[in-house]
Amino acid sequence: MTAVVDIVLGMVLLTMPPTPQPVTYTATSGATTLGYSSVAGWVPAEQCFNRCHTIANEPVPLLRGELSLADMADLNIVVRRDGVPVLSFWRFFGNVPVASVQGAR
């Protein structure tokens, strides 16, 4: 299961593959954590309660171009699935923005 990261005109389109069971996605940047809701999109983690999870067997469009790769790298965003890092965004040698998929095979 690998994420699909497309960069279109510098904007990030991020789709996660379907899973047989609902999962929880979070995105962290520094001290800020957001939770992903299939209904509301990204919301502050403290507003999730038990509603921030995906729908089983459906692909998960985490980003639809709201942020550029450079923005995500500047923020050092880490995306986790059920607490395990699956994607991180950072700058290589402080200059080149990078999207890194963890656990890809």
Protein backbone atom coordinates (compact mmCIF):
# COMPACT_ATOMS: atom_id res chain seq x y z
CA MET A 1 0.00 0.00 0.00
CA THR A 2 1.72 3.12 -1.22
CA ALA A 3 0.53 6.69 -1.31
CA VAL A 4 0.07 8.40 -4.65
CA VAL A 5 1.78 11.79 -4.56
CA ASP A 6 1.30 13.91 -7.67
CA ILE A 7 2.83 17.35 -8.07
CA VAL A 8 0.88 19.49 -10.54
CA LEU A 9 2.24 23.00 -11.09
CA GLY A 10 3.94 22.70 -7.71
CA MET A 11 0.73 21.81 -5.86
CA VAL A 12 0.46 18.49 -3.99
CA LEU A 13 -2.31 16.02 -4.78
CA LEU A 14 -2.08 13.21 -2.23
CA THR A 15 -4.24 10.07 -2.37
CA MET A 16 -3.88 7.14 -0.01
CA PRO A 17 -5.01 3.66 -1.13
CA PRO A 18 -8.17 2.06 0.24
CA THR A 19 -7.89 -0.07 3.36
CA PRO A 20 -10.20 -2.93 4.41
CA GLN A 21 -10.84 -1.23 7.78
CA PRO A 22 -11.21 2.48 8.62
CA VAL A 23 -7.88 4.08 9.60
CA THR A 24 -6.91 7.36 11.21
CA TYR A 25 -4.66 9.86 9.43
CA THR A 26 -2.95 12.70 11.24
CA ALA A 27 -0.63 15.41 9.98
CA THR A 28 1.90 17.03 12.30
CA SER A 29 3.94 20.17 11.89
CA GLY A 30 5.86 21.22 14.98
CA ALA A 31 3.36 21.30 17.87
CA THR A 32 0.29 21.34 15.60
CA THR A 33 -1.60 18.14 14.82
CA LEU A 34 -4.55 17.81 12.47
CA GLY A 35 -6.80 14.79 12.05
CA TYR A 36 -8.39 13.76 8.75
CA SER A 37 -12.14 13.28 8.55
CA SER A 38 -13.66 11.79 5.39
CA VAL A 39 -16.51 14.28 5.82
CA ALA A 40 -14.79 17.49 6.95
CA GLY A 41 -11.22 17.08 5.67
CA TRP A 42 -8.39 18.25 7.95
CA VAL A 43 -9.50 19.53 11.36
CA PRO A 44 -7.63 20.29 14.61
CA ALA A 45 -7.00 16.98 16.38
CA GLU A 46 -8.83 18.12 19.53
CA GLN A 47 -12.02 18.48 17.41
CA CYS A 48 -11.85 14.92 16.05
CA PHE A 49 -13.28 13.04 19.01
CA ASN A 50 -13.90 9.65 17.35
CA ARG A 51 -14.90 11.02 13.93
CA CYS A 52 -11.50 11.38 12.27
CA HIS A 53 -11.21 8.17 10.31
CA THR A 54 -11.56 6.98 6.74
CA ILE A 55 -14.25 4.93 5.06
CA ALA A 56 -13.28 1.28 4.49
CA ASN A 57 -12.44 0.24 0.91
CA GLU A 58 -12.41 3.84 -0.40
CA PRO A 59 -9.33 5.76 -1.59
CA VAL A 60 -8.50 8.71 0.65
CA PRO A 61 -7.85 12.08 -1.06
CA LEU A 62 -5.81 13.73 1.72
CA LEU A 63 -4.80 16.77 -0.35
CA ARG A 64 -6.27 18.22 -3.51
CA GLY A 65 -3.79 20.99 -4.21
CA GLU A 66 -4.38 23.13 -1.11
CA LEU A 67 -0.63 23.26 -0.40
CA SER A 68 2.46 23.32 -2.56
CA LEU A 69 5.37 20.94 -2.12
CA ALA A 70 7.48 23.92 -0.99
CA ASP A 71 4.86 24.86 1.66
CA MET A 72 4.72 21.32 2.99
CA ALA A 73 8.53 21.07 3.07
CA ASP A 74 8.80 24.43 4.88
CA LEU A 75 6.34 23.16 7.50
CA ASN A 76 8.14 19.77 7.84
CA ILE A 77 4.81 17.96 7.68
CA VAL A 78 4.66 14.29 8.70
CA VAL A 79 1.55 12.28 7.78
CA ARG A 80 0.79 9.24 9.95
CA ARG A 81 -1.63 6.35 9.48
CA ASP A 82 -2.77 4.93 12.81
CA GLY A 83 0.24 6.60 14.45
CA VAL A 84 2.84 5.21 12.02
CA PRO A 85 4.62 7.72 9.73
CA VAL A 86 3.77 7.12 6.06
CA LEU A 87 4.86 10.41 4.45
CA SER A 88 7.13 13.26 5.33
CA PHE A 89 7.92 16.53 3.60
CA TRP A 90 11.21 18.35 4.17
CA ARG A 91 13.98 20.26 2.43
CA PHE A 92 17.05 18.42 1.11
CA PHE A 93 20.18 20.38 2.04
CA GLY A 94 17.87 23.18 3.17
CA ASN A 95 16.87 24.05 -0.37
CA VAL A 96 15.14 21.34 -2.43
CA PRO A 97 11.61 20.34 -1.27
CA VAL A 98 11.18 16.56 -0.91
CA ALA A 99 8.24 14.21 -0.36
CA SER A 100 9.37 10.95 1.25
CA VAL A 101 7.18 7.83 1.44
CA GLN A 102 8.02 5.57 4.40
CA GLY A 103 7.65 1.82 4.09
CA ALA A 104 7.33 1.85 0.29
CA ARG A 105 8.18 -1.43 -1.42
